[in-house]
Amino acid sequence: MGSFNLPHTSPSKGGSETFLRNVFENILKTYLKKNPTANKIWELVQSVDNEKIVYDHFTFKTLKVDGYGIDSLSSFFMDYGYKVRGEYYFPKNLRVLWFSPPDFHVPVDGHGLSNGSLPQLVLAEVVVDELSPESQEIIKKYLKPEGGKQSLLSCILGNLIWEKPTWTDFNTLAKENEFAAWVLIHGYTMNHLAFSVHRFKHRFSDIICLKEYLEGKGFELNKDGGVLKVSQDGLLLQLSSISEKLAVEFADGVIETVPASFIEFIDRQVLPQFKDLPHDQIEEYHRRKDFDFDNGKNILDSARFSSDV
């Protein structure tokens, strides 16, 4: 996989585990505050059977230009022991790295962000230099030198580092690359989170049951590749909501609806060589690791734009 072109960091040279968990808590609060539908799903899942949640991964999108790319976020998390585990290149000029969390002690009944397993990280960057000169000019017009150093604050606060774009610029950029346009208007607010389905304790540990429950409640689910997306080896099952459209007032006074964030569920099946283990002996390392390219490509399109953009 190579060096991934990231700055070298030593494990656990950041602050305390408590501080890291508080950073994630605030990123989550901002995401839920800005995304009412995702917040409703997040609350509903926990209200049924008093379910305790564990997060599989948090995903962020960035712009690879002038220090605003993946490394603008990864350096902080790598200081706390996150490690690069894989690299993917998706359509629409998107490069993705995924990171495993530090090996902190987690109690048997640990859950959520307070004392549960920390999420994996999926950090994506639109490779701006691969876009058309017009799109590059639009992006670089807003991004200021050294601004990428504030990327983590953008995740936590949910505010743009740069000035809000005009509708004309946003619309022009979206016609070429929706991922880049999404970042330009939302900044580094979390793109989506994923629940770990196999770690639910009650009925939602069956992803089919979960799917039927969400459909019954009227939530729109991403149908690309099928509502239930299954990896080629059959060991990775995923589904996601479609992001809601939220009204945004652009810098030129135009008010339009744009896609916000969404929410995902992922079920990591037990690997074939461990299928005969008693259920109470199965650990995370007995299950399917990493991600599936086709599933990931379809999931990332859950923040879809309307046909007129």
C-alpha atoms as a PDB file:
ATOM      1  CA  MET A   1       0.000   0.000   0.000  1.00  0.00           C
ATOM      2  CA  GLY A   2       3.029   2.292   0.206  1.00  0.00           C
ATOM      3  CA  SER A   3       3.488   5.321   2.441  1.00  0.00           C
ATOM      4  CA  PHE A   4       0.178   6.987   1.425  1.00  0.00           C
ATOM      5  CA  ASN A   5       2.051  10.329   1.265  1.00  0.00           C
ATOM      6  CA  LEU A   6       1.082  11.369   4.785  1.00  0.00           C
ATOM      7  CA  PRO A   7       3.319  13.130   7.301  1.00  0.00           C
ATOM      8  CA  HIS A   8       5.003  10.766   9.768  1.00  0.00           C
ATOM      9  CA  THR A   9       3.490  10.757  13.237  1.00  0.00           C
ATOM     10  CA  SER A  10       4.318   8.739  16.331  1.00  0.00           C
ATOM     11  CA  PRO A  11       1.484   6.755  17.961  1.00  0.00           C
ATOM     12  CA  SER A  12      -0.258   8.264  20.998  1.00  0.00           C
ATOM     13  CA  LYS A  13       1.746  11.476  21.140  1.00  0.00           C
ATOM     14  CA  GLY A  14      -1.447  13.538  21.401  1.00  0.00           C
ATOM     15  CA  GLY A  15      -3.328  14.343  24.582  1.00  0.00           C
ATOM     16  CA  SER A  16      -5.533  12.101  26.679  1.00  0.00           C
ATOM     17  CA  GLU A  17      -8.011   9.487  25.496  1.00  0.00           C
ATOM     18  CA  THR A  18     -10.731  11.564  27.167  1.00  0.00           C
ATOM     19  CA  PHE A  19      -9.849  14.556  24.994  1.00  0.00           C
ATOM     20  CA  LEU A  20     -10.028  12.467  21.810  1.00  0.00           C
ATOM     21  CA  ARG A  21     -13.417  11.070  22.816  1.00  0.00           C
ATOM     22  CA  ASN A  22     -14.664  14.598  23.536  1.00  0.00           C
ATOM     23  CA  VAL A  23     -13.559  15.713  20.067  1.00  0.00           C
ATOM     24  CA  PHE A  24     -15.609  12.891  18.536  1.00  0.00           C
ATOM     25  CA  GLU A  25     -18.585  13.745  20.762  1.00  0.00           C
ATOM     26  CA  ASN A  26     -18.575  17.327  19.506  1.00  0.00           C
ATOM     27  CA  ILE A  27     -18.171  16.272  15.878  1.00  0.00           C
ATOM     28  CA  LEU A  28     -21.188  13.999  16.368  1.00  0.00           C
ATOM     29  CA  LYS A  29     -23.272  16.730  18.031  1.00  0.00           C
ATOM     30  CA  THR A  30     -22.630  19.083  15.126  1.00  0.00           C
ATOM     31  CA  TYR A  31     -23.512  16.407  12.568  1.00  0.00           C
ATOM     32  CA  LEU A  32     -26.797  15.575  14.335  1.00  0.00           C
ATOM     33  CA  LYS A  33     -27.713  19.236  14.790  1.00  0.00           C
ATOM     34  CA  LYS A  34     -27.218  19.972  11.093  1.00  0.00           C
ATOM     35  CA  ASN A  35     -29.006  16.845   9.814  1.00  0.00           C
ATOM     36  CA  PRO A  36     -32.535  16.416  11.228  1.00  0.00           C
ATOM     37  CA  THR A  37     -33.341  13.176   9.374  1.00  0.00           C
ATOM     38  CA  ALA A  38     -30.073  11.514  10.373  1.00  0.00           C
ATOM     39  CA  ASN A  39     -30.717  12.675  13.936  1.00  0.00           C
ATOM     40  CA  LYS A  40     -34.192  11.141  13.884  1.00  0.00           C
ATOM     41  CA  ILE A  41     -32.819   7.776  12.696  1.00  0.00           C
ATOM     42  CA  TRP A  42     -30.028   7.969  15.285  1.00  0.00           C
ATOM     43  CA  GLU A  43     -32.587   8.511  18.066  1.00  0.00           C
ATOM     44  CA  LEU A  44     -35.039   5.889  16.806  1.00  0.00           C
ATOM     45  CA  VAL A  45     -32.457   3.123  16.637  1.00  0.00           C
ATOM     46  CA  GLN A  46     -31.556   3.693  20.283  1.00  0.00           C
ATOM     47  CA  SER A  47     -35.168   4.023  21.453  1.00  0.00           C
ATOM     48  CA  VAL A  48     -36.159   0.539  20.248  1.00  0.00           C
ATOM     49  CA  ASP A  49     -35.299  -2.093  22.889  1.00  0.00           C
ATOM     50  CA  ASN A  50     -33.119   0.549  24.604  1.00  0.00           C
ATOM     51  CA  GLU A  51     -30.435  -0.444  22.092  1.00  0.00           C
ATOM     52  CA  LYS A  52     -26.796   0.382  22.841  1.00  0.00           C
ATOM     53  CA  ILE A  53     -24.825   1.601  19.849  1.00  0.00           C
ATOM     54  CA  VAL A  54     -21.300   1.111  18.570  1.00  0.00           C
ATOM     55  CA  TYR A  55     -19.951   3.061  15.608  1.00  0.00           C
ATOM     56  CA  ASP A  56     -18.160   1.302  12.768  1.00  0.00           C
ATOM     57  CA  HIS A  57     -16.780   4.409  11.062  1.00  0.00           C
ATOM     58  CA  PHE A  58     -17.037   8.171  10.616  1.00  0.00           C
ATOM     59  CA  THR A  59     -16.551   9.601   7.104  1.00  0.00           C
ATOM     60  CA  PHE A  60     -15.314  13.046   6.084  1.00  0.00           C
ATOM     61  CA  LYS A  61     -14.787  14.633   2.662  1.00  0.00           C
ATOM     62  CA  THR A  62     -12.047  17.167   1.921  1.00  0.00           C
ATOM     63  CA  LEU A  63     -10.506  19.034  -0.994  1.00  0.00           C
ATOM     64  CA  LYS A  64      -6.963  18.063  -1.984  1.00  0.00           C
ATOM     65  CA  VAL A  65      -5.443  21.455  -2.685  1.00  0.00           C
ATOM     66  CA  ASP A  66      -3.148  23.815  -0.767  1.00  0.00           C
ATOM     67  CA  GLY A  67      -3.142  21.829   2.483  1.00  0.00           C
ATOM     68  CA  TYR A  68      -6.913  21.214   2.651  1.00  0.00           C
ATOM     69  CA  GLY A  69      -6.825  17.486   1.838  1.00  0.00           C
ATOM     70  CA  ILE A  70      -6.819  14.296   3.894  1.00  0.00           C
ATOM     71  CA  ASP A  71      -3.645  15.227   5.758  1.00  0.00           C
ATOM     72  CA  SER A  72      -5.343  18.345   7.164  1.00  0.00           C
ATOM     73  CA  LEU A  73      -7.442  15.996   9.321  1.00  0.00           C
ATOM     74  CA  SER A  74      -5.382  12.817   9.531  1.00  0.00           C
ATOM     75  CA  SER A  75      -2.417  14.338  11.370  1.00  0.00           C
ATOM     76  CA  PHE A  76      -4.512  15.029  14.480  1.00  0.00           C
ATOM     77  CA  PHE A  77      -5.997  11.543  14.620  1.00  0.00           C
ATOM     78  CA  MET A  78      -2.695   9.836  13.843  1.00  0.00           C
ATOM     79  CA  ASP A  79      -1.190  11.627  16.828  1.00  0.00           C
ATOM     80  CA  TYR A  80      -3.660   9.622  18.923  1.00  0.00           C
ATOM     81  CA  GLY A  81      -2.759   6.292  17.365  1.00  0.00           C
ATOM     82  CA  TYR A  82      -4.978   6.040  14.294  1.00  0.00           C
ATOM     83  CA  LYS A  83      -3.231   4.093  11.516  1.00  0.00           C
ATOM     84  CA  VAL A  84      -3.719   3.990   7.753  1.00  0.00           C
ATOM     85  CA  ARG A  85      -5.098   0.598   6.695  1.00  0.00           C
ATOM     86  CA  GLY A  86      -6.263   0.984   3.114  1.00  0.00           C
ATOM     87  CA  GLU A  87      -6.526   3.206   0.062  1.00  0.00           C
ATOM     88  CA  TYR A  88      -9.185   3.450  -2.647  1.00  0.00           C
ATOM     89  CA  TYR A  89      -9.719   5.539  -5.758  1.00  0.00           C
ATOM     90  CA  PHE A  90     -13.344   6.159  -6.656  1.00  0.00           C
ATOM     91  CA  PRO A  91     -14.965   7.854  -9.645  1.00  0.00           C
ATOM     92  CA  LYS A  92     -15.419  11.633  -9.531  1.00  0.00           C
ATOM     93  CA  ASN A  93     -11.731  12.214  -8.723  1.00  0.00           C
ATOM     94  CA  LEU A  94     -12.087  10.868  -5.183  1.00  0.00           C
ATOM     95  CA  ARG A  95      -9.188   9.367  -3.224  1.00  0.00           C
ATOM     96  CA  VAL A  96     -10.041   7.645   0.073  1.00  0.00           C
ATOM     97  CA  LEU A  97      -7.949   6.403   2.990  1.00  0.00           C
ATOM     98  CA  TRP A  98      -9.343   4.435   5.897  1.00  0.00           C
ATOM     99  CA  PHE A  99      -7.795   4.384   9.350  1.00  0.00           C
ATOM    100  CA  SER A 100      -8.071   1.943  12.250  1.00  0.00           C
ATOM    101  CA  PRO A 101      -8.504   3.386  15.764  1.00  0.00           C
ATOM    102  CA  PRO A 102      -6.019   3.189  18.633  1.00  0.00           C
ATOM    103  CA  ASP A 103      -6.162   0.137  20.841  1.00  0.00           C
ATOM    104  CA  PHE A 104      -7.739   1.688  23.932  1.00  0.00           C
ATOM    105  CA  HIS A 105      -9.227  -0.541  26.613  1.00  0.00           C
ATOM    106  CA  VAL A 106     -12.991  -0.902  26.143  1.00  0.00           C
ATOM    107  CA  PRO A 107     -15.199  -2.493  28.845  1.00  0.00           C
ATOM    108  CA  VAL A 108     -17.348  -5.454  27.840  1.00  0.00           C
ATOM    109  CA  ASP A 109     -20.501  -3.339  27.978  1.00  0.00           C
ATOM    110  CA  GLY A 110     -18.850  -0.253  26.452  1.00  0.00           C
ATOM    111  CA  HIS A 111     -20.927   1.628  23.887  1.00  0.00           C
ATOM    112  CA  GLY A 112     -21.234   4.991  22.177  1.00  0.00           C
ATOM    113  CA  LEU A 113     -18.311   7.398  22.207  1.00  0.00           C
ATOM    114  CA  SER A 114     -17.956   7.704  25.972  1.00  0.00           C
ATOM    115  CA  ASN A 115     -16.507   4.234  26.587  1.00  0.00           C
ATOM    116  CA  GLY A 116     -17.200   2.177  23.459  1.00  0.00           C
ATOM    117  CA  SER A 117     -14.870   1.190  20.642  1.00  0.00           C
ATOM    118  CA  LEU A 118     -13.758   4.262  18.737  1.00  0.00           C
ATOM    119  CA  PRO A 119     -14.859   4.438  15.093  1.00  0.00           C
ATOM    120  CA  GLN A 120     -12.647   3.728  12.161  1.00  0.00           C
ATOM    121  CA  LEU A 121     -12.097   6.836  10.034  1.00  0.00           C
ATOM    122  CA  VAL A 122     -12.765   7.153   6.325  1.00  0.00           C
ATOM    123  CA  LEU A 123     -11.144  10.310   4.958  1.00  0.00           C
ATOM    124  CA  ALA A 124     -11.797  11.272   1.352  1.00  0.00           C
ATOM    125  CA  GLU A 125     -10.348  14.011  -0.809  1.00  0.00           C
ATOM    126  CA  VAL A 126     -11.403  15.367  -4.177  1.00  0.00           C
ATOM    127  CA  VAL A 127      -8.207  15.662  -6.224  1.00  0.00           C
ATOM    128  CA  VAL A 128      -8.714  19.260  -7.328  1.00  0.00           C
ATOM    129  CA  ASP A 129      -5.852  19.262  -9.843  1.00  0.00           C
ATOM    130  CA  GLU A 130      -7.754  16.635 -11.857  1.00  0.00           C
ATOM    131  CA  LEU A 131     -10.773  18.923 -12.312  1.00  0.00           C
ATOM    132  CA  SER A 132     -11.326  21.352 -15.154  1.00  0.00           C
ATOM    133  CA  PRO A 133      -9.565  24.741 -15.008  1.00  0.00           C
ATOM    134  CA  GLU A 134     -12.953  26.396 -14.373  1.00  0.00           C
ATOM    135  CA  SER A 135     -13.702  24.208 -11.354  1.00  0.00           C
ATOM    136  CA  GLN A 136     -10.172  24.614  -9.997  1.00  0.00           C
ATOM    137  CA  GLU A 137     -10.512  28.376 -10.259  1.00  0.00           C
ATOM    138  CA  ILE A 138     -13.809  28.336  -8.344  1.00  0.00           C
ATOM    139  CA  ILE A 139     -12.390  26.236  -5.504  1.00  0.00           C
ATOM    140  CA  LYS A 140      -9.145  28.185  -5.204  1.00  0.00           C
ATOM    141  CA  LYS A 141     -11.073  31.464  -5.163  1.00  0.00           C
ATOM    142  CA  TYR A 142     -12.579  30.519  -1.806  1.00  0.00           C
ATOM    143  CA  LEU A 143      -9.787  28.552  -0.131  1.00  0.00           C
ATOM    144  CA  LYS A 144      -7.249  30.822   1.546  1.00  0.00           C
ATOM    145  CA  PRO A 145      -3.576  29.985   2.244  1.00  0.00           C
ATOM    146  CA  GLU A 146      -3.059  28.171   5.544  1.00  0.00           C
ATOM    147  CA  GLY A 147      -6.810  27.731   6.052  1.00  0.00           C
ATOM    148  CA  GLY A 148      -6.498  23.961   5.944  1.00  0.00           C
ATOM    149  CA  LYS A 149      -4.950  24.109   9.413  1.00  0.00           C
ATOM    150  CA  GLN A 150      -8.457  24.834  10.714  1.00  0.00           C
ATOM    151  CA  SER A 151     -10.040  21.712   9.178  1.00  0.00           C
ATOM    152  CA  LEU A 152     -10.607  19.933  12.493  1.00  0.00           C
ATOM    153  CA  LEU A 153     -12.333  23.022  13.891  1.00  0.00           C
ATOM    154  CA  SER A 154     -14.618  22.977  10.854  1.00  0.00           C
ATOM    155  CA  CYS A 155     -15.572  19.369  11.720  1.00  0.00           C
ATOM    156  CA  ILE A 156     -16.278  20.288  15.331  1.00  0.00           C
ATOM    157  CA  LEU A 157     -18.086  23.597  14.797  1.00  0.00           C
ATOM    158  CA  GLY A 158     -19.790  22.803  11.501  1.00  0.00           C
ATOM    159  CA  ASN A 159     -18.689  26.145  10.076  1.00  0.00           C
ATOM    160  CA  LEU A 160     -16.995  26.885   6.779  1.00  0.00           C
ATOM    161  CA  ILE A 161     -13.317  27.826   6.883  1.00  0.00           C
ATOM    162  CA  TRP A 162     -13.886  29.912   3.758  1.00  0.00           C
ATOM    163  CA  GLU A 163     -16.580  32.394   2.715  1.00  0.00           C
ATOM    164  CA  LYS A 164     -19.918  30.929   1.675  1.00  0.00           C
ATOM    165  CA  PRO A 165     -19.992  30.418  -2.112  1.00  0.00           C
ATOM    166  CA  THR A 166     -22.405  31.998  -4.543  1.00  0.00           C
ATOM    167  CA  TRP A 167     -25.121  29.824  -6.067  1.00  0.00           C
ATOM    168  CA  THR A 168     -23.572  30.387  -9.490  1.00  0.00           C
ATOM    169  CA  ASP A 169     -20.183  29.031  -8.388  1.00  0.00           C
ATOM    170  CA  PHE A 170     -21.717  26.147  -6.439  1.00  0.00           C
ATOM    171  CA  ASN A 171     -23.983  25.145  -9.325  1.00  0.00           C
ATOM    172  CA  THR A 172     -21.155  25.326 -11.856  1.00  0.00           C
ATOM    173  CA  LEU A 173     -18.920  23.159  -9.676  1.00  0.00           C
ATOM    174  CA  ALA A 174     -21.706  20.656  -8.934  1.00  0.00           C
ATOM    175  CA  LYS A 175     -22.256  20.045 -12.636  1.00  0.00           C
ATOM    176  CA  GLU A 176     -18.719  18.658 -12.864  1.00  0.00           C
ATOM    177  CA  ASN A 177     -18.133  17.186  -9.415  1.00  0.00           C
ATOM    178  CA  GLU A 178     -20.864  16.833  -6.797  1.00  0.00           C
ATOM    179  CA  PHE A 179     -18.401  15.743  -4.111  1.00  0.00           C
ATOM    180  CA  ALA A 180     -16.412  18.973  -4.482  1.00  0.00           C
ATOM    181  CA  ALA A 181     -19.591  21.069  -4.442  1.00  0.00           C
ATOM    182  CA  TRP A 182     -20.777  19.253  -1.298  1.00  0.00           C
ATOM    183  CA  VAL A 183     -17.552  20.170   0.523  1.00  0.00           C
ATOM    184  CA  LEU A 184     -17.639  23.756  -0.742  1.00  0.00           C
ATOM    185  CA  ILE A 185     -21.037  24.365   0.896  1.00  0.00           C
ATOM    186  CA  HIS A 186     -20.785  22.087   3.961  1.00  0.00           C
ATOM    187  CA  GLY A 187     -17.103  22.376   4.780  1.00  0.00           C
ATOM    188  CA  TYR A 188     -15.664  19.519   6.803  1.00  0.00           C
ATOM    189  CA  THR A 189     -18.845  18.638   8.683  1.00  0.00           C
ATOM    190  CA  MET A 190     -19.012  14.847   8.961  1.00  0.00           C
ATOM    191  CA  ASN A 191     -20.386  13.385   5.726  1.00  0.00           C
ATOM    192  CA  HIS A 192     -21.869  10.321   7.407  1.00  0.00           C
ATOM    193  CA  LEU A 193     -21.510   7.892  10.274  1.00  0.00           C
ATOM    194  CA  ALA A 194     -22.016   4.131  10.209  1.00  0.00           C
ATOM    195  CA  PHE A 195     -23.532   2.002  12.953  1.00  0.00           C
ATOM    196  CA  SER A 196     -22.019  -1.416  13.597  1.00  0.00           C
ATOM    197  CA  VAL A 197     -25.078  -3.650  13.093  1.00  0.00           C
ATOM    198  CA  HIS A 198     -23.525  -6.888  14.306  1.00  0.00           C
ATOM    199  CA  ARG A 199     -22.848  -5.217  17.655  1.00  0.00           C
ATOM    200  CA  PHE A 200     -26.491  -4.424  18.333  1.00  0.00           C
ATOM    201  CA  LYS A 201     -27.916  -6.643  21.053  1.00  0.00           C
ATOM    202  CA  HIS A 202     -31.557  -6.902  20.022  1.00  0.00           C
ATOM    203  CA  ARG A 203     -33.713  -7.108  16.880  1.00  0.00           C
ATOM    204  CA  PHE A 204     -31.608  -4.647  14.890  1.00  0.00           C
ATOM    205  CA  SER A 205     -28.681  -7.054  14.942  1.00  0.00           C
ATOM    206  CA  ASP A 206     -30.525  -8.510  11.917  1.00  0.00           C
ATOM    207  CA  ILE A 207     -29.879  -6.001   9.131  1.00  0.00           C
ATOM    208  CA  ILE A 208     -32.954  -7.206   7.217  1.00  0.00           C
ATOM    209  CA  CYS A 209     -35.115  -6.401  10.237  1.00  0.00           C
ATOM    210  CA  LEU A 210     -33.444  -3.009  10.453  1.00  0.00           C
ATOM    211  CA  LYS A 211     -34.048  -2.331   6.760  1.00  0.00           C
ATOM    212  CA  GLU A 212     -37.741  -3.209   7.058  1.00  0.00           C
ATOM    213  CA  TYR A 213     -38.107  -1.057  10.161  1.00  0.00           C
ATOM    214  CA  LEU A 214     -36.618   2.017   8.462  1.00  0.00           C
ATOM    215  CA  GLU A 215     -38.723   1.499   5.344  1.00  0.00           C
ATOM    216  CA  GLY A 216     -41.813   1.084   7.506  1.00  0.00           C
ATOM    217  CA  LYS A 217     -41.060   4.426   9.156  1.00  0.00           C
ATOM    218  CA  GLY A 218     -40.935   6.067   5.735  1.00  0.00           C
ATOM    219  CA  PHE A 219     -37.214   6.767   5.478  1.00  0.00           C
ATOM    220  CA  GLU A 220     -35.811   6.864   1.948  1.00  0.00           C
ATOM    221  CA  LEU A 221     -32.953   4.399   1.542  1.00  0.00           C
ATOM    222  CA  ASN A 222     -30.254   4.375  -1.123  1.00  0.00           C
ATOM    223  CA  LYS A 223     -31.211   1.863  -3.824  1.00  0.00           C
ATOM    224  CA  ASP A 224     -27.970   2.044  -5.828  1.00  0.00           C
ATOM    225  CA  GLY A 225     -26.671  -1.519  -6.037  1.00  0.00           C
ATOM    226  CA  GLY A 226     -29.810  -2.624  -4.183  1.00  0.00           C
ATOM    227  CA  VAL A 227     -31.110  -1.305  -0.873  1.00  0.00           C
ATOM    228  CA  LEU A 228     -29.039  -3.976   0.877  1.00  0.00           C
ATOM    229  CA  LYS A 229     -25.565  -3.767  -0.597  1.00  0.00           C
ATOM    230  CA  VAL A 230     -23.635  -7.042  -0.397  1.00  0.00           C
ATOM    231  CA  SER A 231     -19.923  -7.423  -1.089  1.00  0.00           C
ATOM    232  CA  GLN A 232     -18.762 -10.015  -3.631  1.00  0.00           C
ATOM    233  CA  ASP A 233     -17.674 -12.360  -0.854  1.00  0.00           C
ATOM    234  CA  GLY A 234     -21.055 -11.950   0.868  1.00  0.00           C
ATOM    235  CA  LEU A 235     -19.422 -10.947   4.149  1.00  0.00           C
ATOM    236  CA  LEU A 236     -20.087  -7.196   4.148  1.00  0.00           C
ATOM    237  CA  LEU A 237     -23.716  -5.995   4.234  1.00  0.00           C
ATOM    238  CA  GLN A 238     -24.500  -2.282   4.087  1.00  0.00           C
ATOM    239  CA  LEU A 239     -27.430   0.080   3.709  1.00  0.00           C
ATOM    240  CA  SER A 240     -27.780   3.836   4.000  1.00  0.00           C
ATOM    241  CA  SER A 241     -30.346   6.592   4.026  1.00  0.00           C
ATOM    242  CA  ILE A 242     -30.585   9.161   1.254  1.00  0.00           C
ATOM    243  CA  SER A 243     -29.476  12.558   2.527  1.00  0.00           C
ATOM    244  CA  GLU A 244     -32.258  15.058   2.986  1.00  0.00           C
ATOM    245  CA  LYS A 245     -32.267  18.338   1.083  1.00  0.00           C
ATOM    246  CA  LEU A 246     -31.810  21.418   3.257  1.00  0.00           C
ATOM    247  CA  ALA A 247     -32.429  25.020   2.261  1.00  0.00           C
ATOM    248  CA  VAL A 248     -29.247  27.103   2.023  1.00  0.00           C
ATOM    249  CA  GLU A 249     -28.914  30.817   1.381  1.00  0.00           C
ATOM    250  CA  PHE A 250     -25.901  31.372  -0.842  1.00  0.00           C
ATOM    251  CA  ALA A 251     -23.638  34.419  -0.832  1.00  0.00           C
ATOM    252  CA  ASP A 252     -25.533  36.009  -3.717  1.00  0.00           C
ATOM    253  CA  GLY A 253     -28.858  35.752  -1.857  1.00  0.00           C
ATOM    254  CA  VAL A 254     -30.166  32.747  -3.778  1.00  0.00           C
ATOM    255  CA  ILE A 255     -31.927  30.151  -1.616  1.00  0.00           C
ATOM    256  CA  GLU A 256     -31.781  26.568  -2.884  1.00  0.00           C
ATOM    257  CA  THR A 257     -31.982  23.105  -1.363  1.00  0.00           C
ATOM    258  CA  VAL A 258     -28.822  21.008  -1.343  1.00  0.00           C
ATOM    259  CA  PRO A 259     -28.097  17.477  -0.059  1.00  0.00           C
ATOM    260  CA  ALA A 260     -26.854  17.279   3.509  1.00  0.00           C
ATOM    261  CA  SER A 261     -25.354  14.270   5.314  1.00  0.00           C
ATOM    262  CA  PHE A 262     -26.761  10.760   5.692  1.00  0.00           C
ATOM    263  CA  ILE A 263     -26.478   7.717   7.942  1.00  0.00           C
ATOM    264  CA  GLU A 264     -25.221   4.180   7.231  1.00  0.00           C
ATOM    265  CA  PHE A 265     -25.499   0.711   8.760  1.00  0.00           C
ATOM    266  CA  ILE A 266     -22.852  -1.962   8.220  1.00  0.00           C
ATOM    267  CA  ASP A 267     -22.872  -5.637   9.166  1.00  0.00           C
ATOM    268  CA  ARG A 268     -19.504  -7.389   9.203  1.00  0.00           C
ATOM    269  CA  GLN A 269     -20.061 -11.121   8.927  1.00  0.00           C
ATOM    270  CA  VAL A 270     -17.922 -13.794  10.591  1.00  0.00           C
ATOM    271  CA  LEU A 271     -15.098 -15.030   8.375  1.00  0.00           C
ATOM    272  CA  PRO A 272     -15.554 -18.604   7.039  1.00  0.00           C
ATOM    273  CA  GLN A 273     -12.667 -20.009   9.057  1.00  0.00           C
ATOM    274  CA  PHE A 274     -14.369 -18.885  12.278  1.00  0.00           C
ATOM    275  CA  LYS A 275     -17.973 -19.775  11.452  1.00  0.00           C
ATOM    276  CA  ASP A 276     -18.085 -22.647  13.944  1.00  0.00           C
ATOM    277  CA  LEU A 277     -17.020 -20.540  16.913  1.00  0.00           C
ATOM    278  CA  PRO A 278     -19.648 -20.143  19.657  1.00  0.00           C
ATOM    279  CA  HIS A 279     -21.354 -16.779  19.340  1.00  0.00           C
ATOM    280  CA  ASP A 280     -20.088 -15.544  22.710  1.00  0.00           C
ATOM    281  CA  GLN A 281     -16.488 -16.164  21.647  1.00  0.00           C
ATOM    282  CA  ILE A 282     -16.597 -14.136  18.428  1.00  0.00           C
ATOM    283  CA  GLU A 283     -14.439 -10.986  18.503  1.00  0.00           C
ATOM    284  CA  GLU A 284     -14.033  -8.206  15.952  1.00  0.00           C
ATOM    285  CA  TYR A 285     -10.929  -9.825  14.458  1.00  0.00           C
ATOM    286  CA  HIS A 286     -13.058 -12.849  13.549  1.00  0.00           C
ATOM    287  CA  ARG A 287     -15.155 -10.677  11.216  1.00  0.00           C
ATOM    288  CA  ARG A 288     -14.777  -9.189   7.740  1.00  0.00           C
ATOM    289  CA  LYS A 289     -12.312  -6.289   7.728  1.00  0.00           C
ATOM    290  CA  ASP A 290     -11.897  -3.183   5.573  1.00  0.00           C
ATOM    291  CA  PHE A 291     -14.413  -2.158   2.902  1.00  0.00           C
ATOM    292  CA  ASP A 292     -15.811  -3.185  -0.479  1.00  0.00           C
ATOM    293  CA  PHE A 293     -15.210  -0.951  -3.501  1.00  0.00           C
ATOM    294  CA  ASP A 294     -18.640  -1.342  -5.132  1.00  0.00           C
ATOM    295  CA  ASN A 295     -20.514  -0.988  -1.851  1.00  0.00           C
ATOM    296  CA  GLY A 296     -18.460   2.084  -0.992  1.00  0.00           C
ATOM    297  CA  LYS A 297     -19.037   3.721  -4.366  1.00  0.00           C
ATOM    298  CA  ASN A 298     -22.792   3.332  -3.989  1.00  0.00           C
ATOM    299  CA  ILE A 299     -22.852   4.440  -0.350  1.00  0.00           C
ATOM    300  CA  LEU A 300     -20.899   7.620  -1.118  1.00  0.00           C
ATOM    301  CA  ASP A 301     -23.587   8.603  -3.629  1.00  0.00           C
ATOM    302  CA  SER A 302     -26.191   8.765  -0.846  1.00  0.00           C
ATOM    303  CA  ALA A 303     -25.647  12.540  -0.683  1.00  0.00           C
ATOM    304  CA  ARG A 304     -27.102  12.850  -4.136  1.00  0.00           C
ATOM    305  CA  PHE A 305     -27.950  16.063  -5.927  1.00  0.00           C
ATOM    306  CA  SER A 306     -31.200  16.810  -7.723  1.00  0.00           C
ATOM    307  CA  SER A 307     -31.259  16.246 -11.452  1.00  0.00           C
ATOM    308  CA  ASP A 308     -31.204  19.955 -12.246  1.00  0.00           C
ATOM    309  CA  VAL A 309     -27.813  20.538 -10.605  1.00  0.00           C
END
